[in-house]
C-alpha atoms as a PDB file:
ATOM      1  CA  MET A   1    -139.460  24.951  -0.559  1.00  0.00           C
ATOM      2  CA  SER A   2    -139.308  25.277   3.214  1.00  0.00           C
ATOM      3  CA  GLY A   3    -136.900  27.068   5.485  1.00  0.00           C
ATOM      4  CA  ILE A   4    -135.819  27.321   9.095  1.00  0.00           C
ATOM      5  CA  VAL A   5    -133.655  29.565  11.241  1.00  0.00           C
ATOM      6  CA  LEU A   6    -131.682  27.826  13.967  1.00  0.00           C
ATOM      7  CA  THR A   7    -130.088  29.916  16.703  1.00  0.00           C
ATOM      8  CA  PHE A   8    -127.426  28.619  19.046  1.00  0.00           C
ATOM      9  CA  PRO A   9    -125.483  30.509  21.695  1.00  0.00           C
ATOM     10  CA  ILE A  10    -121.770  30.188  20.984  1.00  0.00           C
ATOM     11  CA  LEU A  11    -119.809  29.023  24.023  1.00  0.00           C
ATOM     12  CA  ALA A  12    -117.706  31.642  25.775  1.00  0.00           C
ATOM     13  CA  GLY A  13    -114.307  31.954  24.152  1.00  0.00           C
ATOM     14  CA  LYS A  14    -115.386  30.095  20.980  1.00  0.00           C
ATOM     15  CA  VAL A  15    -116.264  32.986  18.638  1.00  0.00           C
ATOM     16  CA  GLU A  16    -112.926  32.865  16.804  1.00  0.00           C
ATOM     17  CA  SER A  17    -113.226  29.082  16.490  1.00  0.00           C
ATOM     18  CA  TRP A  18    -116.706  29.605  15.027  1.00  0.00           C
ATOM     19  CA  ARG A  19    -115.273  32.069  12.507  1.00  0.00           C
ATOM     20  CA  ARG A  20    -112.625  29.494  11.532  1.00  0.00           C
ATOM     21  CA  PHE A  21    -115.371  26.869  11.151  1.00  0.00           C
ATOM     22  CA  CYS A  22    -117.167  29.162   8.675  1.00  0.00           C
ATOM     23  CA  GLN A  23    -113.877  29.652   6.819  1.00  0.00           C
ATOM     24  CA  GLU A  24    -113.430  25.871   6.640  1.00  0.00           C
ATOM     25  CA  LEU A  25    -116.879  25.507   5.074  1.00  0.00           C
ATOM     26  CA  SER A  26    -115.942  27.933   2.310  1.00  0.00           C
ATOM     27  CA  GLY A  27    -112.352  26.674   2.046  1.00  0.00           C
ATOM     28  CA  SER A  28    -110.857  23.300   2.967  1.00  0.00           C
ATOM     29  CA  GLN A  29    -114.254  21.602   3.487  1.00  0.00           C
ATOM     30  CA  LEU A  30    -116.060  23.265   0.560  1.00  0.00           C
ATOM     31  CA  GLN A  31    -116.286  20.227  -1.735  1.00  0.00           C
ATOM     32  CA  MET A  32    -117.517  17.959   1.060  1.00  0.00           C
ATOM     33  CA  TYR A  33    -119.953  20.685   2.152  1.00  0.00           C
ATOM     34  CA  LEU A  34    -121.348  21.072  -1.391  1.00  0.00           C
ATOM     35  CA  THR A  35    -121.724  17.303  -1.770  1.00  0.00           C
ATOM     36  CA  SER A  36    -123.537  17.119   1.566  1.00  0.00           C
ATOM     37  CA  ARG A  37    -125.911  19.968   0.829  1.00  0.00           C
ATOM     38  CA  ARG A  38    -126.802  18.652  -2.640  1.00  0.00           C
ATOM     39  CA  ARG A  39    -127.446  15.192  -1.173  1.00  0.00           C
ATOM     40  CA  LEU A  40    -129.731  16.729   1.463  1.00  0.00           C
ATOM     41  CA  GLY A  41    -131.616  18.933  -0.990  1.00  0.00           C
ATOM     42  CA  ILE A  42    -130.475  22.125   0.751  1.00  0.00           C
ATOM     43  CA  THR A  43    -130.535  25.031  -1.693  1.00  0.00           C
ATOM     44  CA  HIS A  44    -129.547  27.904   0.595  1.00  0.00           C
ATOM     45  CA  GLU A  45    -127.600  28.169   3.843  1.00  0.00           C
ATOM     46  CA  ARG A  46    -126.630  31.324   5.654  1.00  0.00           C
ATOM     47  CA  MET A  47    -124.622  31.602   8.883  1.00  0.00           C
ATOM     48  CA  GLU A  48    -124.598  34.836  10.838  1.00  0.00           C
ATOM     49  CA  LEU A  49    -122.823  35.921  13.996  1.00  0.00           C
ATOM     50  CA  ILE A  50    -124.903  38.057  16.340  1.00  0.00           C
ATOM     51  CA  GLU A  51    -123.035  39.643  19.239  1.00  0.00           C
ATOM     52  CA  ASN A  52    -124.618  41.682  22.004  1.00  0.00           C
ATOM     53  CA  ALA A  53    -124.276  42.310  25.743  1.00  0.00           C
ATOM     54  CA  PHE A  54    -125.486  38.767  26.468  1.00  0.00           C
ATOM     55  CA  GLY A  55    -122.809  37.048  24.372  1.00  0.00           C
ATOM     56  CA  ALA A  56    -122.522  35.631  20.864  1.00  0.00           C
ATOM     57  CA  THR A  57    -125.154  33.686  18.947  1.00  0.00           C
ATOM     58  CA  ALA A  58    -124.943  31.833  15.642  1.00  0.00           C
ATOM     59  CA  ALA A  59    -128.016  32.108  13.431  1.00  0.00           C
ATOM     60  CA  THR A  60    -128.179  29.566  10.611  1.00  0.00           C
ATOM     61  CA  THR A  61    -130.842  29.824   7.913  1.00  0.00           C
ATOM     62  CA  LEU A  62    -131.537  26.730   5.796  1.00  0.00           C
ATOM     63  CA  GLU A  63    -133.810  26.307   2.801  1.00  0.00           C
ATOM     64  CA  ALA A  64    -134.606  22.921   1.305  1.00  0.00           C
ATOM     65  CA  SER A  65    -137.406  21.046  -0.375  1.00  0.00           C
ATOM     66  CA  ASP A  66    -137.878  19.219   2.962  1.00  0.00           C
ATOM     67  CA  VAL A  67    -136.071  20.950   5.830  1.00  0.00           C
ATOM     68  CA  ALA A  68    -137.158  18.433   8.462  1.00  0.00           C
ATOM     69  CA  GLN A  69    -135.765  15.554   6.420  1.00  0.00           C
ATOM     70  CA  ALA A  70    -132.517  17.443   5.722  1.00  0.00           C
ATOM     71  CA  LEU A  71    -132.015  18.251   9.411  1.00  0.00           C
ATOM     72  CA  GLY A  72    -132.827  14.697  10.410  1.00  0.00           C
ATOM     73  CA  GLN A  73    -130.165  13.412   8.039  1.00  0.00           C
ATOM     74  CA  ILE A  74    -127.581  15.953   9.218  1.00  0.00           C
ATOM     75  CA  PHE A  75    -128.213  14.945  12.822  1.00  0.00           C
ATOM     76  CA  THR A  76    -128.146  11.176  12.276  1.00  0.00           C
ATOM     77  CA  SER A  77    -125.899  10.557   9.273  1.00  0.00           C
ATOM     78  CA  ASN A  78    -122.707   8.544   9.685  1.00  0.00           C
ATOM     79  CA  LEU A  79    -121.120  10.065   6.576  1.00  0.00           C
ATOM     80  CA  PRO A  80    -117.705  11.582   7.402  1.00  0.00           C
ATOM     81  CA  PHE A  81    -118.613  15.203   6.618  1.00  0.00           C
ATOM     82  CA  ASP A  82    -121.841  15.067   8.640  1.00  0.00           C
ATOM     83  CA  VAL A  83    -120.027  13.515  11.610  1.00  0.00           C
ATOM     84  CA  TRP A  84    -117.325  16.228  11.366  1.00  0.00           C
ATOM     85  CA  TYR A  85    -119.990  18.950  11.083  1.00  0.00           C
ATOM     86  CA  ARG A  86    -121.889  17.724  14.163  1.00  0.00           C
ATOM     87  CA  LYS A  87    -118.678  17.401  16.173  1.00  0.00           C
ATOM     88  CA  ARG A  88    -117.621  20.954  15.324  1.00  0.00           C
ATOM     89  CA  LEU A  89    -121.045  22.347  16.232  1.00  0.00           C
ATOM     90  CA  GLN A  90    -121.031  20.454  19.525  1.00  0.00           C
ATOM     91  CA  GLU A  91    -117.599  21.953  20.336  1.00  0.00           C
ATOM     92  CA  LEU A  92    -118.851  25.451  19.481  1.00  0.00           C
ATOM     93  CA  TYR A  93    -122.355  25.320  20.976  1.00  0.00           C
ATOM     94  CA  GLY A  94    -122.068  22.623  23.634  1.00  0.00           C
ATOM     95  CA  VAL A  95    -125.230  20.847  22.447  1.00  0.00           C
ATOM     96  CA  GLU A  96    -126.107  17.446  21.099  1.00  0.00           C
ATOM     97  CA  LEU A  97    -127.765  18.208  17.778  1.00  0.00           C
ATOM     98  CA  ASP A  98    -130.228  15.340  18.043  1.00  0.00           C
ATOM     99  CA  SER A  99    -132.133  17.567  20.497  1.00  0.00           C
ATOM    100  CA  TYR A 100    -131.983  20.721  18.348  1.00  0.00           C
ATOM    101  CA  GLU A 101    -135.715  21.417  18.647  1.00  0.00           C
ATOM    102  CA  GLN A 102    -135.324  23.019  22.076  1.00  0.00           C
ATOM    103  CA  PHE A 103    -133.023  25.600  20.523  1.00  0.00           C
ATOM    104  CA  LEU A 104    -135.388  26.802  17.792  1.00  0.00           C
ATOM    105  CA  LYS A 105    -136.529  30.346  18.376  1.00  0.00           C
ATOM    106  CA  PRO A 106    -137.149  33.427  16.251  1.00  0.00           C
ATOM    107  CA  ILE A 107    -134.376  35.974  16.086  1.00  0.00           C
ATOM    108  CA  PRO A 108    -135.240  39.655  16.230  1.00  0.00           C
ATOM    109  CA  SER A 109    -133.600  42.034  13.799  1.00  0.00           C
ATOM    110  CA  SER A 110    -130.372  43.365  15.221  1.00  0.00           C
ATOM    111  CA  PRO A 111    -128.047  46.059  13.909  1.00  0.00           C
ATOM    112  CA  ASN A 112    -125.135  43.892  15.129  1.00  0.00           C
ATOM    113  CA  GLN A 113    -125.533  41.043  12.636  1.00  0.00           C
ATOM    114  CA  GLU A 114    -122.541  40.060  10.545  1.00  0.00           C
ATOM    115  CA  LEU A 115    -122.925  37.724   7.555  1.00  0.00           C
ATOM    116  CA  LEU A 116    -119.976  35.309   7.459  1.00  0.00           C
ATOM    117  CA  PHE A 117    -121.071  32.598   5.023  1.00  0.00           C
ATOM    118  CA  GLU A 118    -123.814  32.167   2.440  1.00  0.00           C
ATOM    119  CA  TRP A 119    -124.391  29.654  -0.339  1.00  0.00           C
ATOM    120  CA  THR A 120    -127.210  29.136  -2.863  1.00  0.00           C
ATOM    121  CA  LEU A 121    -127.576  26.270  -5.335  1.00  0.00           C
ATOM    122  CA  LYS A 122    -127.381  27.703  -8.842  1.00  0.00           C
ATOM    123  CA  SER A 123    -129.584  26.077 -11.455  1.00  0.00           C
ATOM    124  CA  ASN A 124    -126.571  25.140 -13.621  1.00  0.00           C
ATOM    125  CA  GLU A 125    -124.827  23.325 -10.704  1.00  0.00           C
ATOM    126  CA  GLY A 126    -127.414  20.548 -10.608  1.00  0.00           C
ATOM    127  CA  GLY A 127    -127.025  17.622  -8.315  1.00  0.00           C
END
């Protein structure tokens, strides 16, 4: 199992939109999200909002049997959910996800972290 933490600054004025995006993942888009993550072999995903004097940052933690392969598929897939997901992230972060590597950086512990979404594949859910 491998994991990665991706951090992206959230564009000014987009924090509430980012919160709604997280709500969509656990609500109206949940079934498509679960199908996508099972297909990609992702077993854990966590999205946190970190706000400080410099602005807002989204920290996403992913765990998968092959994180690089999972990310590559998310960033290149033409499946409707993956296209929707990339479009939403581009609107919120202002980045093209096919160049995500320049945005990888460790995040220091912060007392101002707020967990907004978390999912883990349970052994009885299978794929």
